[in-house]
Amino acid sequence: MGSKVLDNEVTTVGGVLTDQQPLDFHTLGLAGCIDRLTSPLRQRGTVVRWDTPHWGVEIPADCASLLYQSAREMLSNAYKYSEASTLTVQLAAVDHGIRLVVADDGTGFDCELATCGRHHGYGLRLMSVAVHEAGGAVEISSSPGQGTSVSVTLPLD
């Protein structure tokens, strides 16, 4: 066998984590689909911790899809830039909604530059626009050397 195939079929395409499998929220659940995306980070030695206190909440497909895309953006950024040793993914029910938080102990960044610079944070900006259009909220907390925490909250009505 000449080429090495990732057993989990998650690859990095242009620095973006991409699952080659069709998304199957029904079988794997949202957490399972997001967890597959963390495998390149795990392979690199990042410890991935899960915190899912709410399971059993029904998440509509469009909502699950947006949370998945948001997770993909957050995890891709962590993979590309953070050099984190530990990353925590939290998926929790909140008042009338669902919140996804991805936090790491990596290099962090200057939030002002990342969201306002012309060539920076393009993915984060697109993610924010999509979340806001869905009636949700995005919070980004980071500073150089202090790690990064990004949370996306979507309404479930």
N, C-alpha and C. Protein backbone atom coordinates (compact mmCIF):
# COMPACT_ATOMS: atom_id res chain seq x y z
N MET A 1 0.84 -1.19 0.00
CA MET A 1 0.00 0.00 0.00
C MET A 1 0.88 1.24 0.00
N GLY A 2 0.81 2.02 -1.06
CA GLY A 2 1.65 3.19 -1.16
C GLY A 2 1.16 4.36 -0.33
N SER A 3 -0.15 4.65 -0.39
CA SER A 3 -0.62 5.85 0.29
C SER A 3 -1.25 5.49 1.63
N LYS A 4 -1.08 6.41 2.56
CA LYS A 4 -1.62 6.20 3.91
C LYS A 4 -3.02 6.81 3.96
N VAL A 5 -4.00 5.98 4.24
CA VAL A 5 -5.37 6.46 4.35
C VAL A 5 -5.71 6.61 5.83
N LEU A 6 -6.24 7.76 6.20
CA LEU A 6 -6.66 7.94 7.59
C LEU A 6 -7.81 6.99 7.86
N ASP A 7 -7.69 6.22 8.92
CA ASP A 7 -8.73 5.25 9.21
C ASP A 7 -10.07 5.92 9.48
N ASN A 8 -10.02 7.17 9.92
CA ASN A 8 -11.27 7.85 10.26
C ASN A 8 -11.82 8.69 9.12
N GLU A 9 -11.05 8.78 8.02
CA GLU A 9 -11.49 9.49 6.83
C GLU A 9 -11.75 10.97 7.05
N VAL A 10 -11.11 11.55 8.07
CA VAL A 10 -11.17 13.00 8.24
C VAL A 10 -9.83 13.55 7.76
N THR A 11 -9.87 14.46 6.81
CA THR A 11 -8.64 15.01 6.25
C THR A 11 -8.62 16.52 6.41
N THR A 12 -7.45 17.10 6.15
CA THR A 12 -7.37 18.56 6.16
C THR A 12 -7.28 19.01 4.72
N VAL A 13 -8.24 19.79 4.30
CA VAL A 13 -8.25 20.32 2.94
C VAL A 13 -8.06 21.83 3.05
N GLY A 14 -6.90 22.30 2.62
CA GLY A 14 -6.59 23.73 2.74
C GLY A 14 -6.68 24.19 4.19
N GLY A 15 -6.30 23.32 5.11
CA GLY A 15 -6.31 23.70 6.52
C GLY A 15 -7.67 23.56 7.19
N VAL A 16 -8.68 23.13 6.42
CA VAL A 16 -10.02 22.95 6.99
C VAL A 16 -10.28 21.47 7.20
N LEU A 17 -10.67 21.10 8.41
CA LEU A 17 -10.96 19.71 8.70
C LEU A 17 -12.19 19.29 7.91
N THR A 18 -12.07 18.19 7.18
CA THR A 18 -13.14 17.76 6.30
C THR A 18 -13.39 16.26 6.47
N ASP A 19 -14.61 15.93 6.83
CA ASP A 19 -15.00 14.54 7.00
C ASP A 19 -15.44 14.00 5.65
N GLN A 20 -14.78 12.93 5.18
CA GLN A 20 -15.11 12.36 3.87
C GLN A 20 -16.42 11.57 3.90
N GLN A 21 -16.85 11.18 5.09
CA GLN A 21 -18.10 10.44 5.22
C GLN A 21 -19.28 11.40 5.09
N PRO A 22 -20.41 10.91 4.56
CA PRO A 22 -21.59 11.76 4.57
C PRO A 22 -22.01 12.04 6.02
N LEU A 23 -22.49 13.24 6.28
CA LEU A 23 -22.92 13.60 7.62
C LEU A 23 -24.12 12.77 8.01
N ASP A 24 -24.04 12.11 9.14
CA ASP A 24 -25.16 11.28 9.57
C ASP A 24 -25.53 11.66 11.00
N PHE A 25 -26.26 12.79 11.13
CA PHE A 25 -26.68 13.25 12.46
C PHE A 25 -27.61 12.21 13.11
N HIS A 26 -28.37 11.50 12.25
CA HIS A 26 -29.37 10.57 12.77
C HIS A 26 -28.70 9.42 13.54
N THR A 27 -27.66 8.85 12.95
CA THR A 27 -26.99 7.70 13.57
C THR A 27 -25.97 8.12 14.62
N LEU A 28 -25.11 9.07 14.24
CA LEU A 28 -24.00 9.46 15.12
C LEU A 28 -24.39 10.51 16.13
N GLY A 29 -25.46 11.26 15.82
CA GLY A 29 -25.78 12.41 16.65
C GLY A 29 -24.83 13.55 16.32
N LEU A 30 -25.20 14.75 16.71
CA LEU A 30 -24.37 15.92 16.44
C LEU A 30 -23.00 15.77 17.10
N ALA A 31 -22.99 15.32 18.36
CA ALA A 31 -21.72 15.17 19.08
C ALA A 31 -20.81 14.16 18.38
N GLY A 32 -21.39 13.08 17.89
CA GLY A 32 -20.60 12.06 17.20
C GLY A 32 -19.97 12.61 15.93
N CYS A 33 -20.75 13.39 15.18
CA CYS A 33 -20.24 14.00 13.94
C CYS A 33 -19.12 14.99 14.25
N ILE A 34 -19.32 15.82 15.28
CA ILE A 34 -18.30 16.79 15.67
C ILE A 34 -17.06 16.05 16.19
N ASP A 35 -17.28 14.99 16.96
CA ASP A 35 -16.16 14.25 17.53
C ASP A 35 -15.26 13.69 16.43
N ARG A 36 -15.85 13.25 15.32
CA ARG A 36 -15.03 12.75 14.20
C ARG A 36 -14.07 13.84 13.72
N LEU A 37 -14.53 15.09 13.75
CA LEU A 37 -13.67 16.20 13.28
C LEU A 37 -12.46 16.42 14.18
N THR A 38 -12.52 15.95 15.43
CA THR A 38 -11.41 16.21 16.35
C THR A 38 -10.25 15.23 16.15
N SER A 39 -10.44 14.20 15.30
CA SER A 39 -9.39 13.19 15.21
C SER A 39 -8.03 13.70 14.72
N PRO A 40 -7.97 14.64 13.74
CA PRO A 40 -6.63 15.16 13.39
C PRO A 40 -5.94 15.85 14.56
N LEU A 41 -6.72 16.52 15.43
CA LEU A 41 -6.15 17.15 16.62
C LEU A 41 -5.63 16.08 17.58
N ARG A 42 -6.44 15.04 17.78
CA ARG A 42 -6.02 13.95 18.68
C ARG A 42 -4.75 13.28 18.16
N GLN A 43 -4.71 13.07 16.83
CA GLN A 43 -3.53 12.40 16.25
C GLN A 43 -2.27 13.22 16.47
N ARG A 44 -2.45 14.52 16.60
CA ARG A 44 -1.30 15.40 16.80
C ARG A 44 -0.94 15.50 18.28
N GLY A 45 -1.74 14.87 19.14
CA GLY A 45 -1.40 14.86 20.56
C GLY A 45 -2.22 15.80 21.42
N THR A 46 -3.19 16.51 20.81
CA THR A 46 -4.07 17.38 21.59
C THR A 46 -5.07 16.51 22.35
N VAL A 47 -5.22 16.76 23.63
CA VAL A 47 -6.22 16.04 24.42
C VAL A 47 -7.57 16.72 24.19
N VAL A 48 -8.55 15.94 23.74
CA VAL A 48 -9.88 16.49 23.49
C VAL A 48 -10.82 16.01 24.59
N ARG A 49 -11.41 16.95 25.29
CA ARG A 49 -12.36 16.62 26.36
C ARG A 49 -13.77 17.00 25.91
N TRP A 50 -14.74 16.17 26.27
CA TRP A 50 -16.13 16.43 25.92
C TRP A 50 -16.92 16.74 27.17
N ASP A 51 -17.80 17.70 27.05
CA ASP A 51 -18.70 18.04 28.15
C ASP A 51 -20.09 18.19 27.54
N THR A 52 -20.92 17.16 27.67
CA THR A 52 -22.25 17.20 27.06
C THR A 52 -23.29 16.86 28.12
N PRO A 53 -23.63 17.84 28.94
CA PRO A 53 -24.53 17.56 30.05
C PRO A 53 -25.99 17.33 29.67
N HIS A 54 -26.38 17.62 28.41
CA HIS A 54 -27.81 17.68 28.13
C HIS A 54 -28.39 16.52 27.35
N TRP A 55 -27.64 15.50 26.98
CA TRP A 55 -28.12 14.66 25.88
C TRP A 55 -29.51 14.15 26.01
N GLY A 56 -30.16 14.11 24.87
CA GLY A 56 -31.57 13.78 24.83
C GLY A 56 -32.35 14.93 24.21
N VAL A 57 -31.72 16.09 24.07
CA VAL A 57 -32.39 17.22 23.44
C VAL A 57 -32.49 16.97 21.93
N GLU A 58 -33.67 17.15 21.39
CA GLU A 58 -33.87 17.03 19.95
C GLU A 58 -33.34 18.29 19.28
N ILE A 59 -32.42 18.15 18.36
CA ILE A 59 -31.90 19.32 17.64
C ILE A 59 -32.36 19.22 16.20
N PRO A 60 -33.12 20.21 15.71
CA PRO A 60 -33.57 20.18 14.31
C PRO A 60 -32.37 20.13 13.36
N ALA A 61 -32.58 19.52 12.20
CA ALA A 61 -31.48 19.30 11.25
C ALA A 61 -30.76 20.59 10.85
N ASP A 62 -31.50 21.68 10.59
CA ASP A 62 -30.84 22.92 10.15
C ASP A 62 -29.97 23.48 11.27
N CYS A 63 -30.45 23.35 12.48
CA CYS A 63 -29.72 23.81 13.66
C CYS A 63 -28.46 22.95 13.87
N ALA A 64 -28.63 21.63 13.75
CA ALA A 64 -27.49 20.70 13.90
C ALA A 64 -26.44 21.00 12.84
N SER A 65 -26.91 21.27 11.63
CA SER A 65 -25.99 21.55 10.53
C SER A 65 -25.18 22.81 10.79
N LEU A 66 -25.83 23.86 11.28
CA LEU A 66 -25.14 25.12 11.56
C LEU A 66 -24.16 24.95 12.72
N LEU A 67 -24.55 24.20 13.74
CA LEU A 67 -23.63 23.94 14.86
C LEU A 67 -22.43 23.12 14.38
N TYR A 68 -22.68 22.17 13.49
CA TYR A 68 -21.59 21.36 12.94
C TYR A 68 -20.62 22.23 12.14
N GLN A 69 -21.17 23.08 11.26
CA GLN A 69 -20.32 23.97 10.46
C GLN A 69 -19.51 24.90 11.37
N SER A 70 -20.16 25.38 12.43
CA SER A 70 -19.47 26.26 13.38
C SER A 70 -18.34 25.50 14.07
N ALA A 71 -18.63 24.28 14.49
CA ALA A 71 -17.61 23.45 15.14
C ALA A 71 -16.44 23.20 14.19
N ARG A 72 -16.77 22.97 12.93
CA ARG A 72 -15.72 22.71 11.94
C ARG A 72 -14.79 23.92 11.81
N GLU A 73 -15.39 25.11 11.79
CA GLU A 73 -14.60 26.35 11.71
C GLU A 73 -13.73 26.50 12.96
N MET A 74 -14.33 26.32 14.14
CA MET A 74 -13.58 26.48 15.39
C MET A 74 -12.44 25.46 15.50
N LEU A 75 -12.74 24.21 15.17
CA LEU A 75 -11.73 23.15 15.30
C LEU A 75 -10.64 23.30 14.24
N SER A 76 -11.01 23.76 13.04
CA SER A 76 -10.00 24.00 11.99
C SER A 76 -9.04 25.10 12.44
N ASN A 77 -9.59 26.17 13.04
CA ASN A 77 -8.74 27.24 13.54
C ASN A 77 -7.82 26.74 14.64
N ALA A 78 -8.37 25.92 15.54
CA ALA A 78 -7.55 25.37 16.62
C ALA A 78 -6.44 24.50 16.03
N TYR A 79 -6.80 23.73 15.01
CA TYR A 79 -5.82 22.84 14.37
C TYR A 79 -4.72 23.64 13.68
N LYS A 80 -5.12 24.72 12.99
CA LYS A 80 -4.15 25.50 12.21
C LYS A 80 -3.28 26.39 13.09
N TYR A 81 -3.88 27.01 14.12
CA TYR A 81 -3.18 28.11 14.79
C TYR A 81 -2.86 27.91 16.27
N SER A 82 -3.64 27.10 16.98
CA SER A 82 -3.59 27.22 18.43
C SER A 82 -2.41 26.55 19.12
N GLU A 83 -1.89 25.45 18.51
CA GLU A 83 -0.86 24.65 19.18
C GLU A 83 -1.30 24.25 20.58
N ALA A 84 -2.60 24.00 20.74
CA ALA A 84 -3.16 23.67 22.06
C ALA A 84 -2.76 22.28 22.50
N SER A 85 -2.59 22.11 23.81
CA SER A 85 -2.37 20.76 24.33
C SER A 85 -3.69 20.15 24.77
N THR A 86 -4.65 21.01 25.15
CA THR A 86 -5.96 20.52 25.56
C THR A 86 -7.05 21.36 24.90
N LEU A 87 -8.11 20.68 24.46
CA LEU A 87 -9.23 21.36 23.84
C LEU A 87 -10.50 20.76 24.44
N THR A 88 -11.44 21.62 24.79
CA THR A 88 -12.70 21.14 25.37
C THR A 88 -13.85 21.52 24.46
N VAL A 89 -14.72 20.55 24.18
CA VAL A 89 -15.92 20.80 23.39
C VAL A 89 -17.11 20.62 24.33
N GLN A 90 -17.93 21.65 24.40
CA GLN A 90 -19.11 21.57 25.25
C GLN A 90 -20.36 21.77 24.40
N LEU A 91 -21.33 20.90 24.60
CA LEU A 91 -22.59 21.01 23.90
C LEU A 91 -23.65 20.92 24.99
N ALA A 92 -24.36 22.02 25.22
CA ALA A 92 -25.26 22.05 26.37
C ALA A 92 -26.56 22.76 26.04
N ALA A 93 -27.63 22.28 26.65
CA ALA A 93 -28.91 22.96 26.54
C ALA A 93 -28.85 24.20 27.42
N VAL A 94 -29.32 25.32 26.88
CA VAL A 94 -29.42 26.54 27.66
C VAL A 94 -30.87 26.99 27.54
N ASP A 95 -31.22 28.06 28.20
CA ASP A 95 -32.59 28.54 28.18
C ASP A 95 -33.10 28.71 26.74
N HIS A 96 -34.03 27.90 26.32
CA HIS A 96 -34.63 27.97 24.98
C HIS A 96 -33.61 27.83 23.86
N GLY A 97 -32.52 27.13 24.11
CA GLY A 97 -31.55 27.00 23.04
C GLY A 97 -30.50 25.95 23.30
N ILE A 98 -29.52 25.96 22.43
CA ILE A 98 -28.40 25.02 22.55
C ILE A 98 -27.11 25.80 22.36
N ARG A 99 -26.10 25.47 23.15
CA ARG A 99 -24.83 26.20 23.07
C ARG A 99 -23.70 25.23 22.79
N LEU A 100 -22.87 25.62 21.84
CA LEU A 100 -21.65 24.88 21.53
C LEU A 100 -20.48 25.76 21.91
N VAL A 101 -19.57 25.23 22.72
CA VAL A 101 -18.37 25.97 23.10
C VAL A 101 -17.15 25.13 22.76
N VAL A 102 -16.19 25.73 22.07
CA VAL A 102 -14.90 25.09 21.82
C VAL A 102 -13.85 25.97 22.47
N ALA A 103 -13.14 25.41 23.45
CA ALA A 103 -12.13 26.19 24.19
C ALA A 103 -10.81 25.45 24.14
N ASP A 104 -9.71 26.18 24.01
CA ASP A 104 -8.40 25.54 24.01
C ASP A 104 -7.42 26.33 24.86
N ASP A 105 -6.30 25.69 25.18
CA ASP A 105 -5.27 26.35 25.99
C ASP A 105 -4.09 26.74 25.12
N GLY A 106 -4.38 27.07 23.85
CA GLY A 106 -3.32 27.35 22.89
C GLY A 106 -2.81 28.78 22.92
N THR A 107 -2.24 29.20 21.78
CA THR A 107 -1.54 30.48 21.69
C THR A 107 -2.45 31.69 21.79
N GLY A 108 -3.74 31.51 21.44
CA GLY A 108 -4.66 32.65 21.50
C GLY A 108 -4.37 33.66 20.41
N PHE A 109 -5.17 34.70 20.35
CA PHE A 109 -4.97 35.74 19.34
C PHE A 109 -5.64 37.02 19.81
N ASP A 110 -5.37 38.07 19.08
CA ASP A 110 -5.97 39.36 19.39
C ASP A 110 -7.34 39.41 18.69
N CYS A 111 -8.40 39.41 19.48
CA CYS A 111 -9.77 39.37 18.93
C CYS A 111 -10.04 40.53 17.98
N GLU A 112 -9.57 41.71 18.32
CA GLU A 112 -9.81 42.88 17.47
C GLU A 112 -9.26 42.65 16.07
N LEU A 113 -8.00 42.21 16.01
CA LEU A 113 -7.36 41.98 14.71
C LEU A 113 -8.05 40.86 13.96
N ALA A 114 -8.41 39.80 14.68
CA ALA A 114 -8.95 38.61 14.02
C ALA A 114 -10.30 38.87 13.39
N THR A 115 -11.10 39.75 13.99
CA THR A 115 -12.43 39.95 13.43
C THR A 115 -12.53 41.21 12.59
N CYS A 116 -11.53 42.08 12.66
CA CYS A 116 -11.61 43.33 11.89
C CYS A 116 -10.60 43.41 10.76
N GLY A 117 -9.52 42.67 10.86
CA GLY A 117 -8.49 42.75 9.83
C GLY A 117 -9.04 42.32 8.48
N ARG A 118 -8.45 42.83 7.41
CA ARG A 118 -9.00 42.55 6.09
C ARG A 118 -8.84 41.08 5.70
N HIS A 119 -7.73 40.47 6.10
CA HIS A 119 -7.48 39.09 5.67
C HIS A 119 -7.57 38.11 6.83
N HIS A 120 -8.03 38.56 7.96
CA HIS A 120 -8.06 37.69 9.13
C HIS A 120 -9.48 37.30 9.49
N GLY A 121 -9.62 36.14 10.06
CA GLY A 121 -10.88 35.75 10.66
C GLY A 121 -12.04 35.66 9.70
N TYR A 122 -11.73 35.41 8.41
CA TYR A 122 -12.79 35.35 7.41
C TYR A 122 -13.80 34.26 7.78
N GLY A 123 -13.28 33.08 8.15
CA GLY A 123 -14.16 31.98 8.51
C GLY A 123 -15.00 32.30 9.73
N LEU A 124 -14.38 32.94 10.72
CA LEU A 124 -15.12 33.31 11.93
C LEU A 124 -16.21 34.32 11.60
N ARG A 125 -15.89 35.25 10.69
CA ARG A 125 -16.89 36.26 10.32
C ARG A 125 -18.08 35.62 9.61
N LEU A 126 -17.79 34.71 8.66
CA LEU A 126 -18.87 34.02 7.94
C LEU A 126 -19.73 33.22 8.91
N MET A 127 -19.06 32.56 9.87
CA MET A 127 -19.77 31.77 10.87
C MET A 127 -20.68 32.69 11.69
N SER A 128 -20.16 33.85 12.09
CA SER A 128 -20.96 34.79 12.88
C SER A 128 -22.18 35.27 12.12
N VAL A 129 -22.01 35.57 10.84
CA VAL A 129 -23.12 36.04 10.02
C VAL A 129 -24.21 34.96 9.96
N ALA A 130 -23.80 33.72 9.69
CA ALA A 130 -24.77 32.62 9.59
C ALA A 130 -25.51 32.41 10.90
N VAL A 131 -24.77 32.47 12.01
CA VAL A 131 -25.39 32.27 13.33
C VAL A 131 -26.36 33.41 13.65
N HIS A 132 -25.95 34.65 13.36
CA HIS A 132 -26.83 35.79 13.64
C HIS A 132 -28.09 35.74 12.78
N GLU A 133 -27.94 35.30 11.52
CA GLU A 133 -29.12 35.18 10.65
C GLU A 133 -30.10 34.15 11.18
N ALA A 134 -29.58 33.16 11.93
CA ALA A 134 -30.44 32.11 12.50
C ALA A 134 -30.98 32.54 13.87
N GLY A 135 -30.71 33.80 14.26
CA GLY A 135 -31.21 34.29 15.53
C GLY A 135 -30.32 33.94 16.71
N GLY A 136 -29.11 33.48 16.41
CA GLY A 136 -28.20 33.05 17.47
C GLY A 136 -27.17 34.11 17.83
N ALA A 137 -26.23 33.71 18.68
CA ALA A 137 -25.19 34.63 19.15
C ALA A 137 -23.84 33.92 19.14
N VAL A 138 -22.79 34.70 18.87
CA VAL A 138 -21.42 34.18 18.89
C VAL A 138 -20.62 35.00 19.88
N GLU A 139 -19.85 34.33 20.72
CA GLU A 139 -18.94 35.03 21.61
C GLU A 139 -17.54 34.46 21.41
N ILE A 140 -16.58 35.36 21.19
CA ILE A 140 -15.20 34.93 21.02
C ILE A 140 -14.38 35.56 22.11
N SER A 141 -13.67 34.73 22.85
CA SER A 141 -12.83 35.25 23.92
C SER A 141 -11.43 34.70 23.73
N SER A 142 -10.48 35.58 23.51
CA SER A 142 -9.11 35.14 23.30
C SER A 142 -8.16 36.30 23.50
N SER A 143 -6.96 36.00 23.93
CA SER A 143 -5.89 36.98 23.91
C SER A 143 -4.59 36.22 23.79
N PRO A 144 -3.56 36.88 23.23
CA PRO A 144 -2.30 36.18 22.98
C PRO A 144 -1.78 35.49 24.23
N GLY A 145 -1.48 34.19 24.09
CA GLY A 145 -0.92 33.42 25.19
C GLY A 145 -1.94 32.90 26.19
N GLN A 146 -3.22 33.26 25.99
CA GLN A 146 -4.23 32.90 26.98
C GLN A 146 -5.25 31.87 26.47
N GLY A 147 -5.01 31.30 25.30
CA GLY A 147 -5.99 30.35 24.78
C GLY A 147 -7.18 31.04 24.16
N THR A 148 -8.12 30.25 23.68
CA THR A 148 -9.26 30.78 22.96
C THR A 148 -10.52 30.03 23.37
N SER A 149 -11.63 30.76 23.47
CA SER A 149 -12.92 30.12 23.69
C SER A 149 -13.92 30.76 22.74
N VAL A 150 -14.61 29.93 21.96
CA VAL A 150 -15.62 30.43 21.04
C VAL A 150 -16.92 29.72 21.38
N SER A 151 -17.98 30.50 21.57
CA SER A 151 -19.28 29.88 21.84
C SER A 151 -20.31 30.35 20.83
N VAL A 152 -21.14 29.39 20.42
CA VAL A 152 -22.24 29.66 19.50
C VAL A 152 -23.51 29.20 20.21
N THR A 153 -24.47 30.12 20.34
CA THR A 153 -25.74 29.76 20.95
C THR A 153 -26.85 29.94 19.92
N LEU A 154 -27.66 28.89 19.73
CA LEU A 154 -28.76 28.96 18.79
C LEU A 154 -30.08 28.74 19.51
N PRO A 155 -31.12 29.47 19.09
CA PRO A 155 -32.43 29.28 19.72
C PRO A 155 -33.05 27.96 19.27
N LEU A 156 -33.75 27.30 20.16
CA LEU A 156 -34.53 26.10 19.81
C LEU A 156 -35.98 26.43 20.15
N ASP A 157 -36.75 26.76 19.16
CA ASP A 157 -38.14 27.11 19.46
C ASP A 157 -39.09 26.20 18.71
